[in-house]
PDB file of N, CA and C in Angstrom:
ATOM      1  N   MET A   1      15.517 -14.459  47.953  1.00  0.00           N
ATOM      2  CA  MET A   1      15.233 -13.651  48.995  1.00  0.00           C
ATOM      3  C   MET A   1      15.697 -12.238  48.150  1.00  0.00           C
ATOM      4  N   GLU A   2      14.865 -11.063  48.891  1.00  0.00           N
ATOM      5  CA  GLU A   2      15.254  -9.728  48.025  1.00  0.00           C
ATOM      6  C   GLU A   2      16.193  -9.034  49.356  1.00  0.00           C
ATOM      7  N   SER A   3      16.048  -9.644  50.356  1.00  0.00           N
ATOM      8  CA  SER A   3      16.867  -8.640  51.816  1.00  0.00           C
ATOM      9  C   SER A   3      16.547  -9.545  52.625  1.00  0.00           C
ATOM     10  N   ALA A   4      17.640  -8.923  53.670  1.00  0.00           N
ATOM     11  CA  ALA A   4      17.485  -9.830  54.937  1.00  0.00           C
ATOM     12  C   ALA A   4      16.374  -9.558  56.027  1.00  0.00           C
ATOM     13  N   GLU A   5      15.989  -8.770  55.674  1.00  0.00           N
ATOM     14  CA  GLU A   5      14.452  -8.587  56.386  1.00  0.00           C
ATOM     15  C   GLU A   5      13.313  -9.649  55.922  1.00  0.00           C
ATOM     16  N   GLU A   6      13.219  -9.881  54.905  1.00  0.00           N
ATOM     17  CA  GLU A   6      12.436 -10.897  53.817  1.00  0.00           C
ATOM     18  C   GLU A   6      12.693 -12.334  54.191  1.00  0.00           C
ATOM     19  N   CYS A   7      14.085 -12.717  54.647  1.00  0.00           N
ATOM     20  CA  CYS A   7      14.570 -13.935  55.100  1.00  0.00           C
ATOM     21  C   CYS A   7      14.333 -13.960  55.917  1.00  0.00           C
ATOM     22  N   ARG A   8      14.290 -13.104  56.908  1.00  0.00           N
ATOM     23  CA  ARG A   8      13.922 -13.123  58.383  1.00  0.00           C
ATOM     24  C   ARG A   8      12.505 -13.661  58.832  1.00  0.00           C
ATOM     25  N   LYS A   9      11.349 -12.935  58.016  1.00  0.00           N
ATOM     26  CA  LYS A   9      10.545 -13.505  58.368  1.00  0.00           C
ATOM     27  C   LYS A   9      10.378 -14.007  57.841  1.00  0.00           C
ATOM     28  N   PHE A  10      10.801 -15.189  56.760  1.00  0.00           N
ATOM     29  CA  PHE A  10      10.402 -16.252  56.255  1.00  0.00           C
ATOM     30  C   PHE A  10      10.993 -17.454  56.890  1.00  0.00           C
ATOM     31  N   LEU A  11      11.943 -17.287  57.890  1.00  0.00           N
ATOM     32  CA  LEU A  11      12.007 -17.749  58.600  1.00  0.00           C
ATOM     33  C   LEU A  11      11.852 -18.003  60.019  1.00  0.00           C
ATOM     34  N   ALA A  12      11.213 -16.824  60.391  1.00  0.00           N
ATOM     35  CA  ALA A  12      10.318 -16.683  61.705  1.00  0.00           C
ATOM     36  C   ALA A  12       9.062 -17.848  61.288  1.00  0.00           C
ATOM     37  N   ASP A  13       8.547 -17.865  60.107  1.00  0.00           N
ATOM     38  CA  ASP A  13       7.294 -18.674  59.888  1.00  0.00           C
ATOM     39  C   ASP A  13       7.452 -19.895  59.530  1.00  0.00           C
ATOM     40  N   LEU A  14       8.542 -20.166  59.119  1.00  0.00           N
ATOM     41  CA  LEU A  14       9.105 -21.583  58.836  1.00  0.00           C
ATOM     42  C   LEU A  14       9.344 -22.286  60.079  1.00  0.00           C
ATOM     43  N   CYS A  15      10.437 -21.371  60.517  1.00  0.00           N
ATOM     44  CA  CYS A  15      10.801 -22.463  61.979  1.00  0.00           C
ATOM     45  C   CYS A  15      10.387 -22.067  63.315  1.00  0.00           C
ATOM     46  N   THR A  16      10.320 -22.905  64.090  1.00  0.00           N
ATOM     47  CA  THR A  16      10.051 -23.210  65.521  1.00  0.00           C
ATOM     48  C   THR A  16      11.129 -22.046  66.089  1.00  0.00           C
ATOM     49  N   PRO A  17      10.906 -21.203  67.509  1.00  0.00           N
ATOM     50  CA  PRO A  17      11.961 -20.536  67.948  1.00  0.00           C
ATOM     51  C   PRO A  17      13.385 -21.428  68.250  1.00  0.00           C
ATOM     52  N   GLY A  18      13.222 -22.793  68.744  1.00  0.00           N
ATOM     53  CA  GLY A  18      14.149 -23.836  68.866  1.00  0.00           C
ATOM     54  C   GLY A  18      14.755 -24.371  67.736  1.00  0.00           C
ATOM     55  N   GLU A  19      14.349 -24.174  66.756  1.00  0.00           N
ATOM     56  CA  GLU A  19      14.766 -24.801  65.388  1.00  0.00           C
ATOM     57  C   GLU A  19      15.490 -23.104  65.059  1.00  0.00           C
ATOM     58  N   LEU A  20      15.055 -22.161  65.275  1.00  0.00           N
ATOM     59  CA  LEU A  20      15.609 -21.082  64.940  1.00  0.00           C
ATOM     60  C   LEU A  20      17.238 -21.125  65.273  1.00  0.00           C
ATOM     61  N   THR A  21      17.253 -21.338  66.962  1.00  0.00           N
ATOM     62  CA  THR A  21      18.506 -21.228  67.656  1.00  0.00           C
ATOM     63  C   THR A  21      19.375 -22.024  67.122  1.00  0.00           C
ATOM     64  N   ALA A  22      18.714 -23.337  66.776  1.00  0.00           N
ATOM     65  CA  ALA A  22      19.654 -24.539  66.338  1.00  0.00           C
ATOM     66  C   ALA A  22      20.114 -24.111  65.051  1.00  0.00           C
ATOM     67  N   LEU A  23      19.791 -23.559  63.985  1.00  0.00           N
ATOM     68  CA  LEU A  23      20.211 -23.058  62.801  1.00  0.00           C
ATOM     69  C   LEU A  23      21.627 -22.103  63.273  1.00  0.00           C
ATOM     70  N   ALA A  24      21.212 -21.245  63.800  1.00  0.00           N
ATOM     71  CA  ALA A  24      22.282 -20.159  64.413  1.00  0.00           C
ATOM     72  C   ALA A  24      23.083 -20.716  64.876  1.00  0.00           C
ATOM     73  N   ASP A  25      23.064 -21.681  65.551  1.00  0.00           N
ATOM     74  CA  ASP A  25      24.242 -22.433  66.659  1.00  0.00           C
ATOM     75  C   ASP A  25      24.947 -23.025  65.334  1.00  0.00           C
ATOM     76  N   ARG A  26      24.460 -24.015  64.380  1.00  0.00           N
ATOM     77  CA  ARG A  26      24.988 -24.530  63.256  1.00  0.00           C
ATOM     78  C   ARG A  26      26.255 -23.459  62.386  1.00  0.00           C
ATOM     79  N   TRP A  27      24.902 -22.584  62.131  1.00  0.00           N
ATOM     80  CA  TRP A  27      26.439 -21.600  61.598  1.00  0.00           C
ATOM     81  C   TRP A  27      27.084 -20.908  62.295  1.00  0.00           C
ATOM     82  N   GLN A  28      27.306 -20.747  63.457  1.00  0.00           N
ATOM     83  CA  GLN A  28      28.280 -20.079  64.179  1.00  0.00           C
ATOM     84  C   GLN A  28      29.307 -21.218  64.072  1.00  0.00           C
ATOM     85  N   VAL A  29      28.771 -22.495  64.844  1.00  0.00           N
ATOM     86  CA  VAL A  29      30.266 -23.749  64.335  1.00  0.00           C
ATOM     87  C   VAL A  29      30.762 -23.735  63.029  1.00  0.00           C
ATOM     88  N   ALA A  30      29.697 -23.667  62.019  1.00  0.00           N
ATOM     89  CA  ALA A  30      30.375 -23.636  60.573  1.00  0.00           C
ATOM     90  C   ALA A  30      31.478 -22.674  60.308  1.00  0.00           C
ATOM     91  N   GLN A  31      31.395 -21.442  60.879  1.00  0.00           N
ATOM     92  CA  GLN A  31      32.263 -20.465  60.368  1.00  0.00           C
ATOM     93  C   GLN A  31      33.447 -20.452  61.693  1.00  0.00           C
ATOM     94  N   MET A  32      33.409 -21.283  62.983  1.00  0.00           N
ATOM     95  CA  MET A  32      34.667 -21.443  63.373  1.00  0.00           C
ATOM     96  C   MET A  32      35.467 -22.511  62.965  1.00  0.00           C
ATOM     97  N   ILE A  33      34.517 -23.550  62.233  1.00  0.00           N
ATOM     98  CA  ILE A  33      35.129 -24.674  61.604  1.00  0.00           C
ATOM     99  C   ILE A  33      36.172 -24.013  60.594  1.00  0.00           C
ATOM    100  N   ALA A  34      35.669 -23.170  59.738  1.00  0.00           N
ATOM    101  CA  ALA A  34      36.049 -22.658  58.637  1.00  0.00           C
ATOM    102  C   ALA A  34      37.135 -22.036  59.187  1.00  0.00           C
ATOM    103  N   ALA A  35      37.166 -21.518  60.142  1.00  0.00           N
ATOM    104  CA  ALA A  35      38.452 -20.226  60.635  1.00  0.00           C
ATOM    105  C   ALA A  35      39.498 -21.554  61.308  1.00  0.00           C
ATOM    106  N   GLY A  36      39.178 -22.441  61.471  1.00  0.00           N
ATOM    107  CA  GLY A  36      40.408 -23.907  61.468  1.00  0.00           C
ATOM    108  C   GLY A  36      40.362 -23.808  63.216  1.00  0.00           C
ATOM    109  N   MET A  37      38.952 -23.608  63.775  1.00  0.00           N
ATOM    110  CA  MET A  37      39.044 -23.711  65.435  1.00  0.00           C
ATOM    111  C   MET A  37      38.791 -25.530  65.489  1.00  0.00           C
ATOM    112  N   PRO A  38      39.625 -25.704  66.601  1.00  0.00           N
ATOM    113  CA  PRO A  38      39.495 -27.343  67.212  1.00  0.00           C
ATOM    114  C   PRO A  38      38.347 -27.337  67.361  1.00  0.00           C
ATOM    115  N   TYR A  39      37.620 -28.742  67.138  1.00  0.00           N
ATOM    116  CA  TYR A  39      35.924 -28.920  67.640  1.00  0.00           C
ATOM    117  C   TYR A  39      35.777 -28.780  69.166  1.00  0.00           C
ATOM    118  N   ARG A  40      37.052 -29.134  69.461  1.00  0.00           N
ATOM    119  CA  ARG A  40      36.996 -29.166  71.288  1.00  0.00           C
ATOM    120  C   ARG A  40      36.564 -27.973  71.954  1.00  0.00           C
ATOM    121  N   ARG A  41      37.613 -26.713  71.155  1.00  0.00           N
ATOM    122  CA  ARG A  41      37.182 -25.574  71.581  1.00  0.00           C
ATOM    123  C   ARG A  41      36.076 -24.771  71.613  1.00  0.00           C
ATOM    124  N   ILE A  42      35.096 -25.470  69.805  1.00  0.00           N
ATOM    125  CA  ILE A  42      33.988 -24.903  69.614  1.00  0.00           C
ATOM    126  C   ILE A  42      33.009 -25.332  70.436  1.00  0.00           C
ATOM    127  N   TYR A  43      33.329 -26.619  70.977  1.00  0.00           N
ATOM    128  CA  TYR A  43      32.142 -27.020  71.804  1.00  0.00           C
ATOM    129  C   TYR A  43      32.468 -25.825  73.479  1.00  0.00           C
ATOM    130  N   GLU A  44      33.286 -25.660  73.690  1.00  0.00           N
ATOM    131  CA  GLU A  44      33.782 -25.232  74.889  1.00  0.00           C
ATOM    132  C   GLU A  44      32.951 -23.653  74.656  1.00  0.00           C
ATOM    133  N   LYS A  45      33.336 -22.435  73.604  1.00  0.00           N
ATOM    134  CA  LYS A  45      33.087 -21.484  73.245  1.00  0.00           C
ATOM    135  C   LYS A  45      31.411 -21.355  73.112  1.00  0.00           C
ATOM    136  N   THR A  46      30.514 -22.608  72.344  1.00  0.00           N
ATOM    137  CA  THR A  46      29.172 -22.517  71.912  1.00  0.00           C
ATOM    138  C   THR A  46      28.492 -23.223  72.850  1.00  0.00           C
ATOM    139  N   GLY A  47      28.930 -24.485  73.418  1.00  0.00           N
ATOM    140  CA  GLY A  47      27.823 -25.469  74.179  1.00  0.00           C
ATOM    141  C   GLY A  47      27.278 -26.197  73.227  1.00  0.00           C
ATOM    142  N   VAL A  48      27.398 -25.877  72.009  1.00  0.00           N
ATOM    143  CA  VAL A  48      26.615 -27.051  71.281  1.00  0.00           C
ATOM    144  C   VAL A  48      27.409 -28.515  71.083  1.00  0.00           C
ATOM    145  N   SER A  49      26.695 -29.439  70.958  1.00  0.00           N
ATOM    146  CA  SER A  49      27.165 -30.567  71.485  1.00  0.00           C
ATOM    147  C   SER A  49      28.270 -31.234  70.369  1.00  0.00           C
ATOM    148  N   THR A  50      29.130 -31.837  70.887  1.00  0.00           N
ATOM    149  CA  THR A  50      30.520 -32.496  70.013  1.00  0.00           C
ATOM    150  C   THR A  50      30.111 -33.051  68.531  1.00  0.00           C
ATOM    151  N   ALA A  51      28.754 -33.684  69.114  1.00  0.00           N
ATOM    152  CA  ALA A  51      28.030 -34.679  68.141  1.00  0.00           C
ATOM    153  C   ALA A  51      27.570 -33.585  66.653  1.00  0.00           C
ATOM    154  N   THR A  52      27.172 -32.333  67.255  1.00  0.00           N
ATOM    155  CA  THR A  52      26.929 -31.779  66.394  1.00  0.00           C
ATOM    156  C   THR A  52      27.649 -30.690  65.710  1.00  0.00           C
ATOM    157  N   VAL A  53      28.962 -30.316  66.313  1.00  0.00           N
ATOM    158  CA  VAL A  53      29.854 -29.749  65.731  1.00  0.00           C
ATOM    159  C   VAL A  53      30.596 -30.947  64.709  1.00  0.00           C
ATOM    160  N   THR A  54      30.711 -31.853  65.145  1.00  0.00           N
ATOM    161  CA  THR A  54      30.923 -33.239  64.330  1.00  0.00           C
ATOM    162  C   THR A  54      30.515 -33.252  62.652  1.00  0.00           C
ATOM    163  N   ARG A  55      28.810 -33.432  63.075  1.00  0.00           N
ATOM    164  CA  ARG A  55      28.163 -33.140  61.603  1.00  0.00           C
ATOM    165  C   ARG A  55      28.059 -32.078  61.286  1.00  0.00           C
ATOM    166  N   VAL A  56      28.421 -30.782  61.226  1.00  0.00           N
ATOM    167  CA  VAL A  56      28.591 -29.668  60.703  1.00  0.00           C
ATOM    168  C   VAL A  56      29.876 -29.733  59.845  1.00  0.00           C
ATOM    169  N   ALA A  57      30.755 -30.329  60.467  1.00  0.00           N
ATOM    170  CA  ALA A  57      32.136 -30.374  60.098  1.00  0.00           C
ATOM    171  C   ALA A  57      32.376 -31.076  59.064  1.00  0.00           C
ATOM    172  N   ARG A  58      31.757 -32.405  58.749  1.00  0.00           N
ATOM    173  CA  ARG A  58      31.622 -33.001  58.019  1.00  0.00           C
ATOM    174  C   ARG A  58      30.626 -32.554  56.919  1.00  0.00           C
ATOM    175  N   ALA A  59      29.791 -31.566  57.007  1.00  0.00           N
ATOM    176  CA  ALA A  59      28.878 -30.834  56.045  1.00  0.00           C
ATOM    177  C   ALA A  59      29.826 -29.519  55.304  1.00  0.00           C
ATOM    178  N   VAL A  60      30.254 -29.195  55.988  1.00  0.00           N
ATOM    179  CA  VAL A  60      31.543 -28.165  55.755  1.00  0.00           C
ATOM    180  C   VAL A  60      32.405 -29.159  54.557  1.00  0.00           C
ATOM    181  N   ALA A  61      32.937 -29.866  55.384  1.00  0.00           N
ATOM    182  CA  ALA A  61      34.042 -30.589  54.566  1.00  0.00           C
ATOM    183  C   ALA A  61      33.142 -31.765  53.280  1.00  0.00           C
ATOM    184  N   TYR A  62      32.264 -32.041  53.068  1.00  0.00           N
ATOM    185  CA  TYR A  62      31.689 -33.341  52.210  1.00  0.00           C
ATOM    186  C   TYR A  62      30.469 -33.095  51.933  1.00  0.00           C
ATOM    187  N   GLY A  63      29.612 -32.187  52.201  1.00  0.00           N
ATOM    188  CA  GLY A  63      28.410 -31.709  51.860  1.00  0.00           C
ATOM    189  C   GLY A  63      27.982 -31.333  50.484  1.00  0.00           C
ATOM    190  N   GLU A  64      26.970 -30.753  50.494  1.00  0.00           N
ATOM    191  CA  GLU A  64      26.441 -30.015  49.118  1.00  0.00           C
ATOM    192  C   GLU A  64      27.046 -28.831  48.571  1.00  0.00           C
ATOM    193  N   GLY A  65      27.730 -28.002  49.425  1.00  0.00           N
ATOM    194  CA  GLY A  65      28.779 -27.041  49.076  1.00  0.00           C
ATOM    195  C   GLY A  65      28.013 -25.681  49.619  1.00  0.00           C
ATOM    196  N   GLY A  66      26.803 -25.644  50.552  1.00  0.00           N
ATOM    197  CA  GLY A  66      25.968 -24.436  51.026  1.00  0.00           C
ATOM    198  C   GLY A  66      26.968 -23.993  51.865  1.00  0.00           C
ATOM    199  N   TYR A  67      27.356 -24.871  53.066  1.00  0.00           N
ATOM    200  CA  TYR A  67      28.096 -23.767  53.944  1.00  0.00           C
ATOM    201  C   TYR A  67      29.153 -23.031  53.007  1.00  0.00           C
ATOM    202  N   ARG A  68      30.299 -23.994  52.333  1.00  0.00           N
ATOM    203  CA  ARG A  68      31.683 -23.554  51.631  1.00  0.00           C
ATOM    204  C   ARG A  68      30.968 -22.258  50.717  1.00  0.00           C
ATOM    205  N   GLY A  69      29.781 -22.545  49.830  1.00  0.00           N
ATOM    206  CA  GLY A  69      29.281 -21.292  49.256  1.00  0.00           C
ATOM    207  C   GLY A  69      29.011 -19.937  50.245  1.00  0.00           C
ATOM    208  N   VAL A  70      27.908 -20.077  51.003  1.00  0.00           N
ATOM    209  CA  VAL A  70      28.073 -18.806  51.844  1.00  0.00           C
ATOM    210  C   VAL A  70      29.132 -18.345  52.282  1.00  0.00           C
ATOM    211  N   LEU A  71      30.219 -19.043  53.220  1.00  0.00           N
ATOM    212  CA  LEU A  71      31.555 -18.580  53.457  1.00  0.00           C
ATOM    213  C   LEU A  71      32.080 -17.861  52.696  1.00  0.00           C
ATOM    214  N   ALA A  72      32.442 -18.596  51.377  1.00  0.00           N
ATOM    215  CA  ALA A  72      33.063 -17.926  50.411  1.00  0.00           C
ATOM    216  C   ALA A  72      32.493 -16.212  50.055  1.00  0.00           C
ATOM    217  N   LYS A  73      31.286 -16.175  49.446  1.00  0.00           N
ATOM    218  CA  LYS A  73      30.512 -15.103  49.641  1.00  0.00           C
ATOM    219  C   LYS A  73      31.034 -13.918  50.851  1.00  0.00           C
ATOM    220  N   ILE A  74      30.906 -14.495  52.312  1.00  0.00           N
ATOM    221  CA  ILE A  74      31.107 -13.761  52.807  1.00  0.00           C
ATOM    222  C   ILE A  74      32.718 -13.332  52.868  1.00  0.00           C
ATOM    223  N   ASN A  75      33.679 -14.082  52.958  1.00  0.00           N
ATOM    224  CA  ASN A  75      34.555 -13.866  52.991  1.00  0.00           C
ATOM    225  C   ASN A  75      35.256 -12.494  51.120  1.00  0.00           C
ATOM    226  N   LYS A  76      34.413 -12.997  50.791  1.00  0.00           N
ATOM    227  CA  LYS A  76      35.007 -12.166  49.457  1.00  0.00           C
ATOM    228  C   LYS A  76      34.357 -10.789  49.825  1.00  0.00           C
ATOM    229  N   SER A  77      32.968 -10.578  50.253  1.00  0.00           N
ATOM    230  CA  SER A  77      32.109  -9.393  50.657  1.00  0.00           C
ATOM    231  C   SER A  77      33.459  -8.750  51.752  1.00  0.00           C
ATOM    232  N   GLU A  78      33.943  -9.230  52.854  1.00  0.00           N
ATOM    233  CA  GLU A  78      34.785  -8.677  53.610  1.00  0.00           C
ATOM    234  C   GLU A  78      36.129  -7.846  53.015  1.00  0.00           C
ATOM    235  N   ALA A  79      36.757  -8.891  51.992  1.00  0.00           N
ATOM    236  CA  ALA A  79      37.631  -8.580  51.512  1.00  0.00           C
ATOM    237  C   ALA A  79      37.194  -7.218  50.583  1.00  0.00           C
ATOM    238  N   ASP A  80      36.454  -7.263  50.083  1.00  0.00           N
ATOM    239  CA  ASP A  80      36.060  -6.221  49.076  1.00  0.00           C
ATOM    240  C   ASP A  80      36.099  -4.863  49.691  1.00  0.00           C
ATOM    241  N   THR A  81      34.933  -5.094  51.026  1.00  0.00           N
ATOM    242  CA  THR A  81      35.285  -4.010  51.922  1.00  0.00           C
ATOM    243  C   THR A  81      36.403  -3.409  52.568  1.00  0.00           C
ATOM    244  N   GLU A  82      37.470  -4.404  52.547  1.00  0.00           N
ATOM    245  CA  GLU A  82      38.856  -4.010  53.226  1.00  0.00           C
ATOM    246  C   GLU A  82      39.523  -3.188  52.117  1.00  0.00           C
ATOM    247  N   SER A  83      39.247  -3.984  50.706  1.00  0.00           N
ATOM    248  CA  SER A  83      40.185  -3.404  49.872  1.00  0.00           C
ATOM    249  C   SER A  83      39.760  -1.642  49.292  1.00  0.00           C
ATOM    250  N   ASN A  84      38.337  -1.524  49.879  1.00  0.00           N
ATOM    251  CA  ASN A  84      37.774  -0.339  49.107  1.00  0.00           C
ATOM    252  C   ASN A  84      38.000   0.804  50.383  1.00  0.00           C
ATOM    253  N   SER A  85      38.425   0.510  51.665  1.00  0.00           N
ATOM    254  CA  SER A  85      38.730   1.268  52.830  1.00  0.00           C
ATOM    255  C   SER A  85      40.052   2.498  52.844  1.00  0.00           C
TER     256      SER A  85
END
């Protein structure tokens, strides 16, 4: 994808509104897991089922590296932004 808007349009065509919500929830959970937040607290803050929290945590830890890769890119980008400030 060349831009965030291109990605947004693609996902809007590809997914139902419910699927988009589920994807957004999983991404939020992945970020919280990476930040070290306890599963129960994630559930309390997001309302995402504990089964989904556990499934996302497993993917972050043992998956194909998709979550970890994007989380690393975001962290690097934020660090670069802070160092340029």
